[in-house]
C-alpha atoms as a PDB file:
ATOM      1  CA  MET A   1      -5.276  -8.701  -8.496  1.00  0.00           C
ATOM      2  CA  VAL A   2      -3.061  -6.839  -5.726  1.00  0.00           C
ATOM      3  CA  LEU A   3      -3.556  -3.028  -5.161  1.00  0.00           C
ATOM      4  CA  LYS A   4      -0.592  -1.130  -4.403  1.00  0.00           C
ATOM      5  CA  PHE A   5      -0.640   2.198  -2.642  1.00  0.00           C
ATOM      6  CA  ALA A   6       1.631   5.133  -2.565  1.00  0.00           C
ATOM      7  CA  ALA A   7       1.966   8.026   0.227  1.00  0.00           C
ATOM      8  CA  ASN A   8       0.942  11.657  -1.158  1.00  0.00           C
ATOM      9  CA  LEU A   9       3.658  13.741   0.710  1.00  0.00           C
ATOM     10  CA  ASN A  10       1.205  16.645   0.271  1.00  0.00           C
ATOM     11  CA  PHE A  11      -0.920  15.042   2.943  1.00  0.00           C
ATOM     12  CA  LEU A  12       1.120  12.242   4.468  1.00  0.00           C
ATOM     13  CA  PHE A  13       3.837  12.516   6.916  1.00  0.00           C
ATOM     14  CA  THR A  14       3.547  16.096   7.188  1.00  0.00           C
ATOM     15  CA  GLU A  15       4.999  15.499  10.743  1.00  0.00           C
ATOM     16  CA  ALA A  16       8.106  16.191   8.936  1.00  0.00           C
ATOM     17  CA  ARG A  17       8.964  19.601   7.563  1.00  0.00           C
ATOM     18  CA  THR A  18      10.627  18.672   4.064  1.00  0.00           C
ATOM     19  CA  ILE A  19       9.525  16.613   1.406  1.00  0.00           C
ATOM     20  CA  ALA A  20      12.815  14.706   1.721  1.00  0.00           C
ATOM     21  CA  GLU A  21      12.183  13.693   5.290  1.00  0.00           C
ATOM     22  CA  ARG A  22       8.974  12.786   4.198  1.00  0.00           C
ATOM     23  CA  ILE A  23      10.320  10.358   1.752  1.00  0.00           C
ATOM     24  CA  SER A  24      12.281   8.685   4.503  1.00  0.00           C
ATOM     25  CA  LEU A  25       9.185   8.638   6.786  1.00  0.00           C
ATOM     26  CA  ALA A  26       7.185   6.831   4.144  1.00  0.00           C
ATOM     27  CA  HIS A  27       9.787   4.258   3.641  1.00  0.00           C
ATOM     28  CA  LYS A  28      10.278   3.506   7.146  1.00  0.00           C
ATOM     29  CA  ALA A  29       6.543   2.943   7.383  1.00  0.00           C
ATOM     30  CA  GLY A  30       6.439   0.412   4.371  1.00  0.00           C
ATOM     31  CA  PHE A  31       5.529   2.484   1.554  1.00  0.00           C
ATOM     32  CA  ARG A  32       7.284   1.329  -1.775  1.00  0.00           C
ATOM     33  CA  ALA A  33       6.119   4.436  -3.594  1.00  0.00           C
ATOM     34  CA  VAL A  34       5.296   8.048  -2.932  1.00  0.00           C
ATOM     35  CA  GLU A  35       3.808  11.179  -5.013  1.00  0.00           C
ATOM     36  CA  ILE A  36       5.299  14.637  -4.320  1.00  0.00           C
ATOM     37  CA  PRO A  37       4.897  18.193  -5.137  1.00  0.00           C
ATOM     38  CA  TYR A  38       7.695  19.753  -6.940  1.00  0.00           C
ATOM     39  CA  PRO A  39      10.036  20.223  -4.243  1.00  0.00           C
ATOM     40  CA  ARG A  40      10.997  23.900  -4.830  1.00  0.00           C
ATOM     41  CA  SER A  41      14.655  24.629  -3.293  1.00  0.00           C
ATOM     42  CA  GLU A  42      15.169  21.144  -2.281  1.00  0.00           C
ATOM     43  CA  GLU A  43      15.548  19.207  -5.381  1.00  0.00           C
ATOM     44  CA  SER A  44      18.918  17.533  -4.900  1.00  0.00           C
ATOM     45  CA  ALA A  45      17.789  16.523  -1.211  1.00  0.00           C
ATOM     46  CA  VAL A  46      14.839  14.745  -2.730  1.00  0.00           C
ATOM     47  CA  VAL A  47      16.649  13.078  -5.394  1.00  0.00           C
ATOM     48  CA  LYS A  48      19.318  12.069  -2.837  1.00  0.00           C
ATOM     49  CA  ALA A  49      16.276  10.641  -0.495  1.00  0.00           C
ATOM     50  CA  LYS A  50      14.758   8.720  -3.456  1.00  0.00           C
ATOM     51  CA  GLU A  51      18.403   6.949  -4.124  1.00  0.00           C
ATOM     52  CA  GLU A  52      19.004   6.322  -0.297  1.00  0.00           C
ATOM     53  CA  THR A  53      15.716   4.716   0.193  1.00  0.00           C
ATOM     54  CA  GLY A  54      14.988   2.951  -3.232  1.00  0.00           C
ATOM     55  CA  ILE A  55      11.378   4.116  -3.080  1.00  0.00           C
ATOM     56  CA  HIS A  56       9.469   5.058  -6.276  1.00  0.00           C
ATOM     57  CA  VAL A  57       8.081   8.430  -7.229  1.00  0.00           C
ATOM     58  CA  SER A  58       4.754   7.370  -8.731  1.00  0.00           C
ATOM     59  CA  LEU A  59       3.634  11.161  -9.435  1.00  0.00           C
ATOM     60  CA  LEU A  60       5.371  14.526  -9.582  1.00  0.00           C
ATOM     61  CA  ASN A  61       3.288  17.883  -9.483  1.00  0.00           C
ATOM     62  CA  ILE A  62       4.352  20.214 -11.810  1.00  0.00           C
ATOM     63  CA  ALA A  63       6.442  23.049 -10.502  1.00  0.00           C
ATOM     64  CA  LEU A  64       4.192  26.119  -9.829  1.00  0.00           C
ATOM     65  CA  GLY A  65       4.457  29.857 -10.098  1.00  0.00           C
ATOM     66  CA  SER A  66       3.110  32.683  -7.172  1.00  0.00           C
ATOM     67  CA  ASN A  67       0.234  34.549  -6.966  1.00  0.00           C
ATOM     68  CA  GLU A  68      -2.321  33.731  -9.834  1.00  0.00           C
ATOM     69  CA  LEU A  69      -0.096  30.986 -10.867  1.00  0.00           C
ATOM     70  CA  GLN A  70      -0.038  29.147  -7.688  1.00  0.00           C
ATOM     71  CA  LEU A  71      -2.446  26.191  -8.779  1.00  0.00           C
ATOM     72  CA  GLY A  72      -0.910  25.938 -12.090  1.00  0.00           C
ATOM     73  CA  ALA A  73      -0.342  27.937 -15.652  1.00  0.00           C
ATOM     74  CA  THR A  74      -1.726  25.611 -18.126  1.00  0.00           C
ATOM     75  CA  SER A  75      -5.092  27.596 -18.883  1.00  0.00           C
ATOM     76  CA  ILE A  76      -3.726  30.929 -18.269  1.00  0.00           C
ATOM     77  CA  PRO A  77      -3.829  33.281 -21.150  1.00  0.00           C
ATOM     78  CA  GLY A  78      -0.461  35.122 -21.413  1.00  0.00           C
ATOM     79  CA  ALA A  79       1.332  32.686 -19.151  1.00  0.00           C
ATOM     80  CA  GLU A  80       2.195  30.314 -21.861  1.00  0.00           C
ATOM     81  CA  GLU A  81       6.327  30.859 -21.376  1.00  0.00           C
ATOM     82  CA  HIS A  82       5.616  30.293 -17.640  1.00  0.00           C
ATOM     83  CA  PHE A  83       3.835  26.963 -18.490  1.00  0.00           C
ATOM     84  CA  GLN A  84       6.445  25.783 -20.576  1.00  0.00           C
ATOM     85  CA  GLU A  85       9.118  26.863 -18.394  1.00  0.00           C
ATOM     86  CA  HIS A  86       7.443  25.027 -15.301  1.00  0.00           C
ATOM     87  CA  LEU A  87       7.023  21.966 -17.418  1.00  0.00           C
ATOM     88  CA  ASN A  88      10.344  21.565 -18.776  1.00  0.00           C
ATOM     89  CA  GLU A  89      11.800  22.088 -15.194  1.00  0.00           C
ATOM     90  CA  THR A  90       9.553  19.398 -13.919  1.00  0.00           C
ATOM     91  CA  ILE A  91      10.314  17.255 -16.751  1.00  0.00           C
ATOM     92  CA  GLN A  92      14.076  17.451 -15.808  1.00  0.00           C
ATOM     93  CA  LEU A  93      13.546  16.447 -12.089  1.00  0.00           C
ATOM     94  CA  ALA A  94      11.086  13.500 -13.308  1.00  0.00           C
ATOM     95  CA  LYS A  95      13.967  12.275 -15.089  1.00  0.00           C
ATOM     96  CA  GLN A  96      16.417  12.399 -12.221  1.00  0.00           C
ATOM     97  CA  LEU A  97      13.689  10.880  -9.838  1.00  0.00           C
ATOM     98  CA  GLN A  98      12.985   7.918 -12.743  1.00  0.00           C
ATOM     99  CA  CYS A  99       9.350   9.222 -12.387  1.00  0.00           C
ATOM    100  CA  THR A 100       7.021   8.587 -15.417  1.00  0.00           C
ATOM    101  CA  LYS A 101       4.037  10.636 -14.479  1.00  0.00           C
ATOM    102  CA  ILE A 102       3.272  14.359 -13.999  1.00  0.00           C
ATOM    103  CA  HIS A 103       0.382  16.097 -12.806  1.00  0.00           C
ATOM    104  CA  ILE A 104      -0.134  18.941 -14.874  1.00  0.00           C
ATOM    105  CA  MET A 105      -2.358  21.533 -12.954  1.00  0.00           C
ATOM    106  CA  SER A 106      -4.857  23.740 -15.076  1.00  0.00           C
ATOM    107  CA  GLY A 107      -4.886  27.065 -12.876  1.00  0.00           C
ATOM    108  CA  LEU A 108      -7.535  29.468 -11.630  1.00  0.00           C
ATOM    109  CA  VAL A 109     -10.174  31.174 -13.683  1.00  0.00           C
ATOM    110  CA  GLY A 110      -9.522  34.833 -13.330  1.00  0.00           C
ATOM    111  CA  GLU A 111     -10.342  37.875 -15.546  1.00  0.00           C
ATOM    112  CA  HIS A 112     -10.441  35.906 -18.997  1.00  0.00           C
ATOM    113  CA  SER A 113     -13.351  34.239 -20.155  1.00  0.00           C
ATOM    114  CA  ARG A 114     -13.638  30.309 -19.819  1.00  0.00           C
ATOM    115  CA  GLU A 115     -13.373  30.416 -23.677  1.00  0.00           C
ATOM    116  CA  GLU A 116     -10.076  31.967 -23.553  1.00  0.00           C
ATOM    117  CA  HIS A 117      -8.991  29.801 -20.640  1.00  0.00           C
ATOM    118  CA  LEU A 118      -9.751  26.800 -22.832  1.00  0.00           C
ATOM    119  CA  ALA A 119      -8.079  27.804 -25.747  1.00  0.00           C
ATOM    120  CA  THR A 120      -4.767  28.397 -24.067  1.00  0.00           C
ATOM    121  CA  TYR A 121      -5.516  25.038 -22.060  1.00  0.00           C
ATOM    122  CA  ILE A 122      -5.615  23.020 -25.188  1.00  0.00           C
ATOM    123  CA  ALA A 123      -2.583  24.716 -26.898  1.00  0.00           C
ATOM    124  CA  ASN A 124      -0.487  24.074 -23.990  1.00  0.00           C
ATOM    125  CA  LEU A 125      -1.534  20.689 -23.440  1.00  0.00           C
ATOM    126  CA  LYS A 126      -0.672  19.974 -27.110  1.00  0.00           C
ATOM    127  CA  TYR A 127       2.781  21.301 -26.277  1.00  0.00           C
ATOM    128  CA  ALA A 128       3.046  19.338 -23.320  1.00  0.00           C
ATOM    129  CA  ALA A 129       1.913  16.352 -25.064  1.00  0.00           C
ATOM    130  CA  ASN A 130       4.566  16.426 -27.800  1.00  0.00           C
ATOM    131  CA  THR A 131       7.313  17.113 -25.183  1.00  0.00           C
ATOM    132  CA  LEU A 132       6.316  14.334 -22.748  1.00  0.00           C
ATOM    133  CA  ALA A 133       6.205  11.924 -25.631  1.00  0.00           C
ATOM    134  CA  GLN A 134       9.822  12.504 -26.193  1.00  0.00           C
ATOM    135  CA  GLU A 135      10.714  11.794 -22.877  1.00  0.00           C
ATOM    136  CA  ASN A 136       8.214   8.621 -22.326  1.00  0.00           C
ATOM    137  CA  ILE A 137       6.637  10.582 -19.497  1.00  0.00           C
ATOM    138  CA  VAL A 138       2.754  10.853 -19.069  1.00  0.00           C
ATOM    139  CA  GLY A 139       0.981  13.657 -18.141  1.00  0.00           C
ATOM    140  CA  VAL A 140      -2.237  13.597 -16.270  1.00  0.00           C
ATOM    141  CA  ILE A 141      -5.038  16.265 -15.671  1.00  0.00           C
ATOM    142  CA  GLU A 142      -7.133  16.390 -12.721  1.00  0.00           C
ATOM    143  CA  PRO A 143     -10.728  17.562 -12.448  1.00  0.00           C
ATOM    144  CA  ILE A 144     -11.094  19.379  -8.980  1.00  0.00           C
ATOM    145  CA  ASN A 145     -14.170  20.130  -7.178  1.00  0.00           C
ATOM    146  CA  LYS A 146     -15.849  23.468  -6.772  1.00  0.00           C
ATOM    147  CA  TYR A 147     -15.937  23.160  -2.919  1.00  0.00           C
ATOM    148  CA  SER A 148     -12.160  22.507  -2.392  1.00  0.00           C
ATOM    149  CA  VAL A 149     -11.142  25.253  -5.123  1.00  0.00           C
ATOM    150  CA  PRO A 150     -13.966  27.278  -6.263  1.00  0.00           C
ATOM    151  CA  SER A 151     -12.136  29.073  -9.298  1.00  0.00           C
ATOM    152  CA  TYR A 152     -10.113  26.031 -10.612  1.00  0.00           C
ATOM    153  CA  PHE A 153     -10.459  25.920 -14.538  1.00  0.00           C
ATOM    154  CA  MET A 154     -10.383  21.949 -14.728  1.00  0.00           C
ATOM    155  CA  ASN A 155     -13.522  21.131 -12.755  1.00  0.00           C
ATOM    156  CA  CYS A 156     -15.735  18.938 -15.186  1.00  0.00           C
ATOM    157  CA  TYR A 157     -14.960  15.071 -16.351  1.00  0.00           C
ATOM    158  CA  ASP A 158     -16.741  15.924 -19.520  1.00  0.00           C
ATOM    159  CA  LEU A 159     -14.742  18.893 -20.234  1.00  0.00           C
ATOM    160  CA  ALA A 160     -11.422  16.672 -19.354  1.00  0.00           C
ATOM    161  CA  VAL A 161     -12.666  14.118 -21.779  1.00  0.00           C
ATOM    162  CA  SER A 162     -13.370  16.561 -24.502  1.00  0.00           C
ATOM    163  CA  VAL A 163      -9.741  18.042 -24.141  1.00  0.00           C
ATOM    164  CA  LEU A 164      -8.243  14.406 -24.050  1.00  0.00           C
ATOM    165  CA  ASN A 165      -9.919  14.143 -27.419  1.00  0.00           C
ATOM    166  CA  GLU A 166      -8.734  17.219 -29.002  1.00  0.00           C
ATOM    167  CA  VAL A 167      -5.322  16.613 -27.861  1.00  0.00           C
ATOM    168  CA  ASN A 168      -5.133  13.129 -29.108  1.00  0.00           C
ATOM    169  CA  SER A 169      -2.197  11.840 -27.265  1.00  0.00           C
ATOM    170  CA  ASP A 170      -1.208   8.751 -25.447  1.00  0.00           C
ATOM    171  CA  ASN A 171       0.779  10.711 -23.297  1.00  0.00           C
ATOM    172  CA  LEU A 172      -1.977  12.727 -21.457  1.00  0.00           C
ATOM    173  CA  LYS A 173      -4.523  10.974 -19.479  1.00  0.00           C
ATOM    174  CA  ILE A 174      -6.940  11.679 -16.507  1.00  0.00           C
ATOM    175  CA  LEU A 175      -6.104  11.692 -13.008  1.00  0.00           C
ATOM    176  CA  MET A 176      -9.143  10.054 -11.410  1.00  0.00           C
ATOM    177  CA  ASP A 177      -9.253  11.496  -7.487  1.00  0.00           C
ATOM    178  CA  ILE A 178     -12.113   9.541  -6.176  1.00  0.00           C
ATOM    179  CA  PHE A 179     -12.619  12.408  -3.671  1.00  0.00           C
ATOM    180  CA  HIS A 180     -13.180  14.779  -6.154  1.00  0.00           C
ATOM    181  CA  ARG A 181     -14.939  12.466  -8.283  1.00  0.00           C
ATOM    182  CA  GLN A 182     -17.470  11.964  -5.881  1.00  0.00           C
ATOM    183  CA  LEU A 183     -17.956  15.635  -5.120  1.00  0.00           C
ATOM    184  CA  ILE A 184     -18.256  16.540  -8.930  1.00  0.00           C
ATOM    185  CA  ARG A 185     -20.589  13.905  -9.946  1.00  0.00           C
ATOM    186  CA  GLY A 186     -20.593  10.807  -7.801  1.00  0.00           C
ATOM    187  CA  ASP A 187     -21.700   7.613 -10.069  1.00  0.00           C
ATOM    188  CA  LEU A 188     -18.177   6.016  -9.615  1.00  0.00           C
ATOM    189  CA  ALA A 189     -19.219   2.739 -11.216  1.00  0.00           C
ATOM    190  CA  ASN A 190     -20.406   4.303 -14.437  1.00  0.00           C
ATOM    191  CA  GLY A 191     -17.483   6.881 -14.145  1.00  0.00           C
ATOM    192  CA  PHE A 192     -14.670   3.941 -14.003  1.00  0.00           C
ATOM    193  CA  ALA A 193     -16.406   2.146 -16.997  1.00  0.00           C
ATOM    194  CA  GLU A 194     -16.820   5.239 -19.030  1.00  0.00           C
ATOM    195  CA  LEU A 195     -13.376   6.569 -18.311  1.00  0.00           C
ATOM    196  CA  SER A 196     -11.566   3.416 -18.308  1.00  0.00           C
ATOM    197  CA  LYS A 197      -9.405   4.211 -21.383  1.00  0.00           C
ATOM    198  CA  HIS A 198      -8.635   7.612 -20.200  1.00  0.00           C
ATOM    199  CA  ILE A 199      -7.569   6.856 -16.589  1.00  0.00           C
ATOM    200  CA  GLY A 200      -3.723   7.280 -16.121  1.00  0.00           C
ATOM    201  CA  HIS A 201      -3.762   7.695 -12.113  1.00  0.00           C
ATOM    202  CA  ILE A 202      -6.077   7.067  -9.268  1.00  0.00           C
ATOM    203  CA  GLN A 203      -6.291   8.858  -5.643  1.00  0.00           C
ATOM    204  CA  ILE A 204      -8.403   7.964  -2.922  1.00  0.00           C
ATOM    205  CA  ALA A 205      -9.855   9.616   0.440  1.00  0.00           C
ATOM    206  CA  GLN A 206     -13.012   9.435   1.964  1.00  0.00           C
ATOM    207  CA  VAL A 207     -15.840  11.973   1.431  1.00  0.00           C
ATOM    208  CA  PRO A 208     -16.562  14.813   2.604  1.00  0.00           C
ATOM    209  CA  HIS A 209     -13.725  15.382   4.926  1.00  0.00           C
ATOM    210  CA  ARG A 210     -11.111  13.805   3.074  1.00  0.00           C
ATOM    211  CA  HIS A 211      -9.771  11.397   5.923  1.00  0.00           C
ATOM    212  CA  GLU A 212      -8.621   8.145   5.598  1.00  0.00           C
ATOM    213  CA  PRO A 213     -10.759   5.631   3.679  1.00  0.00           C
ATOM    214  CA  ASP A 214     -12.290   3.558   6.426  1.00  0.00           C
ATOM    215  CA  GLN A 215     -13.398   6.601   8.289  1.00  0.00           C
ATOM    216  CA  ASP A 216     -17.389   7.731   8.132  1.00  0.00           C
ATOM    217  CA  GLY A 217     -18.297   9.174   5.083  1.00  0.00           C
ATOM    218  CA  GLU A 218     -20.107   8.727   1.540  1.00  0.00           C
ATOM    219  CA  LEU A 219     -17.899   5.912   0.081  1.00  0.00           C
ATOM    220  CA  ASP A 220     -17.773   2.218   0.805  1.00  0.00           C
ATOM    221  CA  TYR A 221     -14.192   1.426  -0.139  1.00  0.00           C
ATOM    222  CA  ARG A 222     -14.576  -2.372  -0.050  1.00  0.00           C
ATOM    223  CA  TYR A 223     -16.874  -1.504  -3.190  1.00  0.00           C
ATOM    224  CA  VAL A 224     -14.471   1.106  -4.411  1.00  0.00           C
ATOM    225  CA  PHE A 225     -11.315  -1.212  -4.428  1.00  0.00           C
ATOM    226  CA  LYS A 226     -13.567  -3.995  -6.260  1.00  0.00           C
ATOM    227  CA  LEU A 227     -14.160  -1.274  -8.818  1.00  0.00           C
ATOM    228  CA  ILE A 228     -10.486  -0.518  -9.317  1.00  0.00           C
ATOM    229  CA  GLU A 229      -9.792  -4.271  -9.555  1.00  0.00           C
ATOM    230  CA  ARG A 230     -12.188  -4.661 -12.301  1.00  0.00           C
ATOM    231  CA  LEU A 231     -10.850  -1.667 -14.111  1.00  0.00           C
ATOM    232  CA  ASN A 232      -7.438  -3.993 -14.106  1.00  0.00           C
ATOM    233  CA  TYR A 233      -5.527  -0.856 -13.305  1.00  0.00           C
ATOM    234  CA  ASP A 234      -2.202  -2.105 -11.970  1.00  0.00           C
ATOM    235  CA  ASP A 235      -0.530   1.026 -11.430  1.00  0.00           C
ATOM    236  CA  TRP A 236      -0.138   3.118  -8.161  1.00  0.00           C
ATOM    237  CA  ILE A 237      -2.814   4.560  -6.077  1.00  0.00           C
ATOM    238  CA  GLY A 238      -2.295   7.603  -4.379  1.00  0.00           C
ATOM    239  CA  CYS A 239      -3.127   7.956  -0.691  1.00  0.00           C
ATOM    240  CA  GLU A 240      -4.151  11.681  -0.836  1.00  0.00           C
ATOM    241  CA  TYR A 241      -6.215  12.065   2.386  1.00  0.00           C
ATOM    242  CA  LYS A 242      -5.608  14.085   5.383  1.00  0.00           C
ATOM    243  CA  PRO A 243      -4.893  12.093   8.561  1.00  0.00           C
ATOM    244  CA  LYS A 244      -7.771  12.304  11.382  1.00  0.00           C
ATOM    245  CA  THR A 245      -5.083  12.089  13.620  1.00  0.00           C
ATOM    246  CA  ASN A 246      -1.569  11.202  12.668  1.00  0.00           C
ATOM    247  CA  THR A 247      -0.223   9.603   9.510  1.00  0.00           C
ATOM    248  CA  THR A 248       0.842   6.247  11.166  1.00  0.00           C
ATOM    249  CA  ASP A 249      -2.117   5.559  13.222  1.00  0.00           C
ATOM    250  CA  GLY A 250      -4.330   6.347  10.230  1.00  0.00           C
ATOM    251  CA  LEU A 251      -2.667   3.475   8.337  1.00  0.00           C
ATOM    252  CA  LYS A 252      -4.808   0.805  10.165  1.00  0.00           C
ATOM    253  CA  TRP A 253      -7.244   1.141   7.426  1.00  0.00           C
ATOM    254  CA  LEU A 254      -5.065  -1.242   5.387  1.00  0.00           C
ATOM    255  CA  ASN A 255      -5.367  -4.122   7.382  1.00  0.00           C
ATOM    256  CA  LYS A 256      -9.262  -3.243   7.582  1.00  0.00           C
ATOM    257  CA  TYR A 257      -9.500  -3.724   4.088  1.00  0.00           C
ATOM    258  CA  SER A 258      -6.939  -6.490   3.602  1.00  0.00           C
ATOM    259  CA  VAL A 259      -4.796  -4.716   1.350  1.00  0.00           C
ATOM    260  CA  HIS A 260      -1.157  -3.842   1.563  1.00  0.00           C
ATOM    261  CA  LEU A 261       1.522  -1.332   0.796  1.00  0.00           C
END
């Protein structure tokens, strides 16, 4: 099975300022796909860059708000209208980019109880699942570890599975970020087996410093890539790591593991 990799433009090719410029750099480096944040104020330039390069946009992060909504509105009580606005805005851009996956961010826990956040989260995800189904787009939710984002609501795999079961939609899956998984729970082999039917997207980075997969750290990526192959996951794998030096030099890990873009 041939694994295929997408450049995450939140982390890679940040030598360029704009997302459109990063798309061009990723294409020149040989990437056939990219993952991007919502490109606020440069939507048309990003669509143009995608069309000019022919690159595939494998994942688009949901549009975000400011202040307390800067990491999503999905679980925020009282922000339901903002969530729907952000989701619908993102869907429209995803359609222009021919992107079929949207990362739906949960937001931060604030003055409300976790019970209130959970009820809001499930209600918003039910709305999202119905809306996404009409557009043939899949939404993914990502458990994020407490060290990277201490107050992020979606921080647990058991919670993610419980939410997916409650929403009960083929248009909602888990984003398995291996960096976050290792810091939340570890146990990757059993995790892949237990979550196989729920996994809609995968991202990679070494732990704990979030550098390239071949840097010193907790994970043996030769084994991790074998786990992904056994999963029969044939979609794009997001390279969401921080280059230790620069993006281009950091790509040497591909040859080390005999994988290709």
